[in-house]
Protein backbone atom coordinates (compact mmCIF):
# COMPACT_ATOMS: atom_id res chain seq x y z
CA MET A 1 15.39 28.63 -20.54
CA THR A 2 11.64 28.42 -20.12
CA ALA A 3 10.76 27.91 -16.48
CA HIS A 4 9.00 24.66 -15.78
CA LEU A 5 8.22 22.12 -13.11
CA GLU A 6 9.72 18.68 -13.56
CA ILE A 7 7.93 15.60 -12.23
CA LEU A 8 10.56 13.48 -10.46
CA HIS A 9 7.89 11.04 -9.22
CA PRO A 10 4.19 11.43 -10.02
CA GLY A 11 2.76 10.09 -6.76
CA LEU A 12 -0.64 8.46 -7.34
CA LEU A 13 -3.05 9.46 -10.10
CA SER A 14 -1.65 12.99 -10.30
CA SER A 15 -3.25 15.07 -13.03
CA ILE A 16 -3.89 18.65 -14.08
CA GLN A 17 -7.36 19.85 -13.05
CA ASP A 18 -9.26 23.12 -12.99
CA LYS A 19 -13.01 23.80 -12.75
CA GLY A 20 -13.76 21.41 -15.61
CA ARG A 21 -15.71 21.54 -18.89
CA TYR A 22 -19.16 23.01 -18.53
CA GLY A 23 -21.75 23.03 -21.31
CA MET A 24 -20.27 20.06 -23.17
CA ALA A 25 -22.49 17.26 -21.82
CA SER A 26 -24.85 17.43 -24.81
CA SER A 27 -21.87 16.39 -26.95
CA GLY A 28 -21.02 13.51 -24.60
CA VAL A 29 -17.99 15.23 -23.05
CA PRO A 30 -17.70 14.62 -19.27
CA ARG A 31 -17.21 17.64 -17.04
CA SER A 32 -14.00 16.44 -15.35
CA GLY A 33 -12.34 19.08 -13.15
CA ALA A 34 -11.18 19.06 -9.52
CA VAL A 35 -12.80 16.44 -7.28
CA ASP A 36 -12.34 18.86 -4.36
CA PRO A 37 -12.85 22.33 -5.84
CA VAL A 38 -12.73 23.90 -2.37
CA SER A 39 -9.13 22.78 -1.76
CA LEU A 40 -8.25 23.86 -5.31
CA GLN A 41 -9.48 27.39 -4.52
CA ILE A 42 -7.49 27.54 -1.28
CA GLY A 43 -4.33 26.30 -3.01
CA ASN A 44 -4.67 28.99 -5.64
CA ALA A 45 -5.32 31.66 -3.01
CA LEU A 46 -1.99 30.72 -1.38
CA VAL A 47 -0.13 31.77 -4.54
CA GLY A 48 -2.35 34.68 -5.62
CA ASN A 49 -4.07 32.92 -8.52
CA GLU A 50 -7.64 33.09 -9.70
CA PRO A 51 -9.71 30.52 -7.73
CA PHE A 52 -9.93 27.82 -10.38
CA THR A 53 -6.54 28.11 -12.07
CA ALA A 54 -5.38 24.63 -13.12
CA ALA A 55 -3.24 22.82 -10.54
CA ILE A 56 -1.80 19.35 -9.92
CA GLU A 57 -4.43 17.14 -8.28
CA PHE A 58 -3.03 14.07 -6.51
CA ARG A 59 -4.71 11.14 -4.79
CA PHE A 60 -3.43 9.53 -1.56
CA MET A 61 0.26 10.28 -2.25
CA GLY A 62 1.68 13.50 -3.67
CA PRO A 63 4.39 13.91 -6.29
CA LYS A 64 8.06 14.82 -6.05
CA VAL A 65 8.83 17.87 -8.19
CA LYS A 66 11.84 19.98 -9.18
CA ALA A 67 12.04 23.65 -10.18
CA ILE A 68 13.79 24.32 -13.48
CA GLY A 69 14.60 27.86 -14.62
CA GLY A 70 13.41 30.86 -12.67
CA PRO A 71 12.09 30.74 -9.10
CA LEU A 72 8.53 29.51 -8.68
CA ARG A 73 6.04 29.45 -5.83
CA LEU A 74 3.91 26.39 -5.05
CA GLY A 75 0.77 26.28 -2.94
CA LEU A 76 0.28 23.05 -0.96
CA ALA A 77 -3.43 22.56 -0.30
CA ALA A 78 -3.59 19.22 1.45
CA ASP A 79 -3.51 17.53 4.84
CA THR A 80 0.08 16.50 4.43
CA THR A 81 3.59 17.76 4.87
CA ALA A 82 6.50 17.90 2.44
CA THR A 83 10.29 18.08 2.41
CA LEU A 84 12.09 20.93 0.64
CA ILE A 85 15.54 20.02 -0.66
CA ARG A 86 17.61 23.05 -1.63
CA LYS A 87 20.08 22.82 -4.49
CA SER A 88 22.48 24.73 -2.26
CA ASP A 89 22.89 21.56 -0.13
CA GLU A 90 21.36 23.07 2.97
CA ASP A 91 19.70 20.64 5.36
CA PRO A 92 16.26 19.49 4.16
CA ILE A 93 13.40 21.68 5.38
CA GLU A 94 10.08 20.24 6.53
CA ILE A 95 7.13 22.09 5.02
CA VAL A 96 3.85 22.14 6.92
CA ALA A 97 0.46 21.66 5.27
CA TRP A 98 -1.62 24.48 3.79
CA ARG A 99 1.16 26.90 2.93
CA SER A 100 3.06 28.20 -0.08
CA VAL A 101 6.76 27.62 -0.59
CA THR A 102 9.24 29.20 -2.99
CA LEU A 103 11.58 26.97 -4.98
CA HIS A 104 14.66 28.27 -6.74
CA ASP A 105 16.27 26.70 -9.79
CA GLY A 106 17.21 23.12 -8.92
CA ASP A 107 15.26 22.91 -5.66
CA GLU A 108 13.04 19.89 -5.06
CA LEU A 109 9.80 19.45 -3.12
CA HIS A 110 8.88 15.93 -2.01
CA LEU A 111 5.28 15.58 -0.83
CA HIS A 112 4.40 13.01 1.81
CA PRO A 113 1.32 10.70 1.79
CA LEU A 114 -2.00 12.31 2.69
CA LYS A 115 -3.31 11.83 6.24
CA GLY A 116 -6.86 10.48 6.48
CA VAL A 117 -8.05 12.13 3.28
CA ALA A 118 -7.91 11.22 -0.40
CA THR A 119 -7.01 14.34 -2.39
CA GLY A 120 -4.61 17.26 -2.37
CA TYR A 121 -3.54 20.04 -4.73
CA LEU A 122 -0.28 21.66 -5.72
CA SER A 123 -0.85 25.07 -7.30
CA VAL A 124 1.82 27.20 -8.96
CA GLU A 125 1.88 30.99 -9.01
CA GLY A 126 0.74 32.17 -12.44
CA GLY A 127 -0.49 28.71 -13.45
CA PHE A 128 0.76 26.23 -16.05
CA ASN A 129 1.29 27.18 -19.68
CA LEU A 130 -0.78 24.33 -21.08
CA PRO A 131 -3.36 24.36 -23.90
CA THR A 132 -7.04 24.85 -23.15
CA VAL A 133 -9.10 22.03 -24.69
CA LEU A 134 -12.87 22.52 -25.02
CA GLY A 135 -12.75 25.33 -22.50
CA SER A 136 -10.62 23.69 -19.82
CA GLN A 137 -7.10 22.51 -18.98
CA SER A 138 -8.52 19.58 -16.98
CA THR A 139 -7.26 16.11 -17.77
CA TYR A 140 -9.81 13.55 -18.93
CA ALA A 141 -7.44 10.62 -19.36
CA ARG A 142 -10.04 8.18 -20.74
CA ALA A 143 -10.31 10.33 -23.90
CA SER A 144 -6.79 11.87 -23.78
CA LEU A 145 -8.22 15.38 -23.32
CA GLY A 146 -6.52 18.34 -21.65
CA GLY A 147 -3.69 18.38 -19.11
CA LEU A 148 -0.26 17.41 -20.41
CA ASN A 149 -0.82 15.31 -23.54
CA GLY A 150 -4.19 14.17 -22.16
CA SER A 151 -2.57 11.89 -19.60
CA VAL A 152 -2.05 11.58 -15.88
CA LEU A 153 1.39 12.84 -14.93
CA ASN A 154 4.41 10.58 -15.31
CA GLU A 155 8.02 10.60 -14.20
CA GLY A 156 10.06 13.01 -16.31
CA ASP A 157 7.13 15.18 -17.42
CA GLN A 158 7.95 18.86 -17.84
CA LEU A 159 5.14 21.28 -16.96
CA PRO A 160 5.78 24.74 -18.50
CA LEU A 161 4.89 27.77 -16.38
CA ASN A 162 3.22 31.01 -17.33
CA GLN A 163 5.82 33.05 -15.44
CA ALA A 164 9.39 32.67 -14.28
CA SER A 165 9.31 34.87 -11.20
CA VAL A 166 7.51 35.15 -7.88
CA HIS A 167 5.85 38.04 -6.11
CA GLY A 168 5.56 38.76 -2.39
CA GLU A 169 6.19 36.37 0.45
CA ASP A 170 5.16 32.82 1.24
CA GLN A 171 1.71 32.46 2.81
CA ILE A 172 -0.02 30.07 5.18
CA VAL A 173 -3.67 29.25 5.90
CA LYS A 174 -4.15 29.96 9.58
CA SER A 175 -7.69 28.56 9.78
CA PRO A 176 -8.06 25.56 7.42
CA LEU A 177 -11.52 24.10 6.95
CA THR A 178 -12.37 21.37 9.43
CA ALA A 179 -13.83 18.01 8.41
CA ASP A 180 -17.61 17.94 8.00
CA ASN A 181 -18.92 14.67 9.45
CA THR A 182 -22.61 15.35 8.89
CA PRO A 183 -24.55 13.20 6.36
CA ILE A 184 -24.03 14.01 2.69
CA HIS A 185 -26.96 16.22 1.67
CA ILE A 186 -28.91 15.25 -1.43
CA ILE A 187 -32.04 16.29 -3.25
CA LYS A 188 -34.48 13.67 -4.54
CA GLY A 189 -34.54 12.39 -8.07
CA PRO A 190 -34.88 12.72 -10.89
CA GLN A 191 -36.29 9.16 -10.66
CA ASP A 192 -37.19 9.01 -6.96
CA ASP A 193 -40.67 7.88 -8.10
CA TYR A 194 -39.06 4.51 -8.89
CA PHE A 195 -38.85 3.90 -5.14
CA SER A 196 -41.47 3.63 -2.40
CA GLU A 197 -41.58 6.17 0.40
CA GLU A 198 -40.47 3.40 2.76
CA THR A 199 -37.44 2.65 0.57
CA LEU A 200 -36.54 6.34 0.34
CA SER A 201 -36.72 6.60 4.11
CA ARG A 202 -34.60 3.46 4.55
CA PHE A 203 -32.04 4.82 2.07
CA ALA A 204 -31.70 8.01 4.10
CA ASN A 205 -31.48 6.22 7.45
CA GLN A 206 -28.90 3.57 6.82
CA THR A 207 -25.12 3.69 6.82
CA PHE A 208 -23.35 2.63 3.63
CA ALA A 209 -19.78 1.44 3.37
CA VAL A 210 -17.57 2.89 0.65
CA THR A 211 -16.07 0.03 -1.35
CA LYS A 212 -12.57 -0.06 -2.82
CA ASP A 213 -14.03 1.09 -6.14
CA VAL A 214 -13.47 4.82 -5.70
CA ASP A 215 -12.08 6.94 -8.50
CA ARG A 216 -12.76 10.08 -10.51
CA MET A 217 -15.59 8.33 -12.37
CA GLY A 218 -17.64 7.00 -9.47
CA ILE A 219 -17.95 5.82 -5.88
CA ARG A 220 -19.53 2.41 -5.28
CA LEU A 221 -21.36 1.90 -1.98
CA GLU A 222 -22.36 -1.24 -0.11
CA GLY A 223 -25.29 -1.69 2.27
CA ASP A 224 -28.79 -3.12 2.50
CA ALA A 225 -30.03 -3.45 -1.09
CA ILE A 226 -32.26 -0.63 -2.34
CA ALA A 227 -35.04 -2.08 -4.49
CA ALA A 228 -37.06 -0.17 -7.06
CA LEU A 229 -40.82 -0.63 -7.30
CA PRO A 230 -41.58 -3.92 -9.10
CA GLU A 231 -43.61 -2.16 -11.78
CA LYS A 232 -40.74 0.25 -12.44
CA GLY A 233 -37.66 -1.94 -12.24
CA HIS A 234 -34.02 -0.85 -12.42
CA ASP A 235 -33.73 -0.23 -16.14
CA LEU A 236 -34.85 2.85 -18.01
CA ILE A 237 -34.10 4.62 -21.27
CA SER A 238 -30.78 6.41 -20.74
CA ASP A 239 -31.08 10.08 -19.88
CA GLY A 240 -28.80 12.82 -18.67
CA SER A 241 -26.62 12.47 -15.58
CA VAL A 242 -24.30 14.84 -13.77
CA PRO A 243 -21.53 14.45 -11.18
CA GLY A 244 -23.20 13.75 -7.84
CA THR A 245 -26.00 11.66 -9.32
CA ILE A 246 -26.74 8.54 -7.22
CA GLN A 247 -27.98 5.75 -9.42
CA VAL A 248 -29.27 2.37 -8.21
CA PRO A 249 -28.60 -0.59 -10.54
CA GLY A 250 -30.26 -4.00 -10.27
CA SER A 251 -27.90 -5.09 -7.47
CA GLY A 252 -29.51 -2.47 -5.23
CA GLN A 253 -26.06 -1.09 -4.31
CA PRO A 254 -25.89 2.66 -5.05
CA ILE A 255 -23.20 4.27 -7.20
CA ILE A 256 -22.37 7.98 -6.92
CA LEU A 257 -21.31 9.30 -10.30
CA PHE A 258 -18.31 11.62 -10.06
CA MET A 259 -16.36 14.19 -12.07
CA ASP A 260 -15.28 11.93 -14.96
CA CYS A 261 -18.66 10.17 -15.17
CA GLN A 262 -20.55 9.49 -18.36
CA THR A 263 -23.11 12.08 -19.44
CA ILE A 264 -26.06 9.65 -19.62
CA GLY A 265 -27.18 6.67 -17.57
CA GLY A 266 -29.80 3.95 -17.71
CA TYR A 267 -30.42 3.24 -14.01
CA PRO A 268 -32.95 5.09 -11.82
CA LYS A 269 -31.41 8.03 -9.94
CA ILE A 270 -32.63 8.17 -6.37
CA GLY A 271 -30.95 11.48 -5.56
CA THR A 272 -28.22 13.98 -6.40
CA VAL A 273 -25.54 15.36 -4.08
CA ILE A 274 -25.95 19.12 -3.59
CA ALA A 275 -23.27 21.54 -4.75
CA ALA A 276 -22.24 22.45 -1.20
CA ASP A 277 -21.17 18.86 -0.46
CA MET A 278 -19.58 17.82 -3.75
CA HIS A 279 -16.06 18.61 -2.53
CA ARG A 280 -16.55 16.19 0.39
CA LEU A 281 -16.82 13.32 -2.10
CA GLY A 282 -13.30 14.16 -3.25
CA GLN A 283 -11.95 13.18 0.17
CA VAL A 284 -13.82 9.86 0.52
CA LEU A 285 -11.66 6.83 1.39
CA PRO A 286 -12.37 3.11 0.82
CA ASN A 287 -14.06 1.44 3.84
CA GLN A 288 -15.31 4.79 5.07
CA SER A 289 -18.94 5.04 6.25
CA MET A 290 -21.39 7.31 4.48
CA GLN A 291 -24.91 8.49 5.26
CA PHE A 292 -27.31 10.65 3.28
CA GLU A 293 -29.94 13.22 4.17
CA PHE A 294 -32.61 14.51 1.80
CA VAL A 295 -32.99 18.30 1.70
CA SER A 296 -35.17 20.67 -0.30
CA LEU A 297 -33.87 22.96 -3.04
CA GLU A 298 -34.26 25.89 -0.65
CA GLN A 299 -32.17 24.12 2.01
CA ALA A 300 -29.57 23.22 -0.63
CA SER A 301 -29.32 26.89 -1.57
CA GLU A 302 -28.87 27.90 2.07
CA LEU A 303 -26.19 25.26 2.59
CA ARG A 304 -24.36 26.48 -0.51
CA LEU A 305 -24.30 30.04 0.82
CA ALA A 306 -23.05 28.75 4.18
CA ARG A 307 -20.27 26.83 2.40
CA TYR A 308 -19.28 29.96 0.48
CA ALA A 309 -18.99 31.80 3.79
CA GLN A 310 -16.75 29.04 5.21
CA ILE A 311 -14.48 29.19 2.17
CA GLU A 312 -14.26 32.97 2.35
CA LYS A 313 -13.40 32.84 6.05
CA CYS A 314 -10.71 30.24 5.41
CA ILE A 315 -9.12 32.22 2.56
CA SER A 316 -9.29 35.46 4.54
CA SER A 317 -7.18 33.76 7.24
CA ILE A 318 -4.24 33.42 4.83
CA ASP A 319 -1.30 35.46 6.09
CA THR A 320 2.44 35.79 5.68
CA TYR A 321 4.31 32.63 6.69
CA ILE A 322 6.88 33.28 9.38
CA GLU A 323 9.52 30.66 10.00
CA VAL A 324 9.85 29.36 13.55
CA GLY A 325 12.32 31.51 15.51
CA LYS A 326 11.83 34.62 13.37
CA ILE A 327 9.92 37.76 14.37
CA ASN A 328 6.79 38.71 12.49
CA VAL A 329 7.66 42.38 12.02
CA LYS A 330 4.53 43.02 10.00
CA ALA A 331 2.31 41.73 12.80
CA LEU A 332 4.14 43.87 15.36
CA TYR A 333 3.44 47.00 13.33
CA GLU A 334 -0.16 46.06 12.64
CA GLU A 335 -0.81 45.47 16.34
CA ASN A 336 0.77 48.87 17.07
CA ILE A 337 3.17 47.35 19.61
CA ILE A 338 6.28 49.18 18.49
CA ASP A 339 4.79 51.93 16.35
CA GLY A 340 6.28 55.34 17.10
CA VAL A 341 9.58 54.23 18.63
CA VAL A 342 12.29 56.85 17.98
CA ASN A 343 15.51 55.75 16.33
CA ALA A 344 18.29 56.92 18.69
CA MET A 345 20.79 57.11 15.82
CA ASP A 346 18.39 59.17 13.75
CA PRO A 347 15.99 61.12 16.03
CA GLY A 348 14.30 62.71 13.06
CA ARG A 349 13.00 59.37 11.87
CA ILE A 350 10.30 57.37 13.61
CA THR A 351 10.69 53.60 13.35
CA GLY A 352 7.16 53.15 12.25
CA GLN A 353 7.68 53.32 8.55
CA LEU A 354 6.55 49.85 7.67
CA GLU A 355 7.46 50.07 4.02
CA GLU A 356 11.08 50.65 4.97
CA GLU A 357 11.26 47.87 7.53
CA LEU A 358 9.78 45.27 5.22
């Protein structure tokens, strides 16, 4: 039997996502990809995958899944917990956030709703054995591209795995990233000349409310209307757009284009979210407040390097998961607490041979 993951319940808007399709915009193909690529990387690190291996992305409420075939290891990268139900009829086990967990044939993992954030990821060791379409396994449901049959996940779907075994022990992130409550950093343009300096300043100094219209395609905001210069207006010949572009239509209410956005747009673009902050958009909730701050390209580059450092620090904190009540033998040896103790039953052997104890 080919090992696979069965979707018992899809949760909300669950789909397969990786880094997305780059270099296809000139053909009108949206980038797609993970709305929070930082969490995707951490989830993959928990199971030993390459950073952008395709995983299940879920919004607000995670799926319920079942292991079929060989054992498999899942990485839960989300601010939520889950319940592990063993086929062997043991009592259900509560799984904490930001850790990996091994499922054996017939075991189920039921994810709980997210807490104060919008997006989580469920990675699988070795990744999913799904076709690559136009350079990516990401799902773009509007055009039935990628993922499993080009669709969001549904009850009864079977996701084939690349491997039917697991390696090593379960892991946990000891230092998850903390929420960044600073303004979203943006660079001006490319049509910031459609707005007066006063309007640009007002845009950067007001607080917008996120409306209920939040999805993979865009985030609509509500606040004091942002008006373009009368001689410029709010309509222009459509030109290229990218995820993170903030366009201002005639209503004066900004729209942030997101991962599944169109590749061109005909409204003036007042600014673009910098790479370092794109993942924060993936966690935006309706009714949440949002502010912006203009930065230079040099500042954007510095912030990106700082974000890389945060991600690296978080991933480097990943360590073996030890169940409550059990002794972390590895940590004891590493801290040299019991190294060199003589075995009374075998004086010729020093109980410091880690490879034997583990």
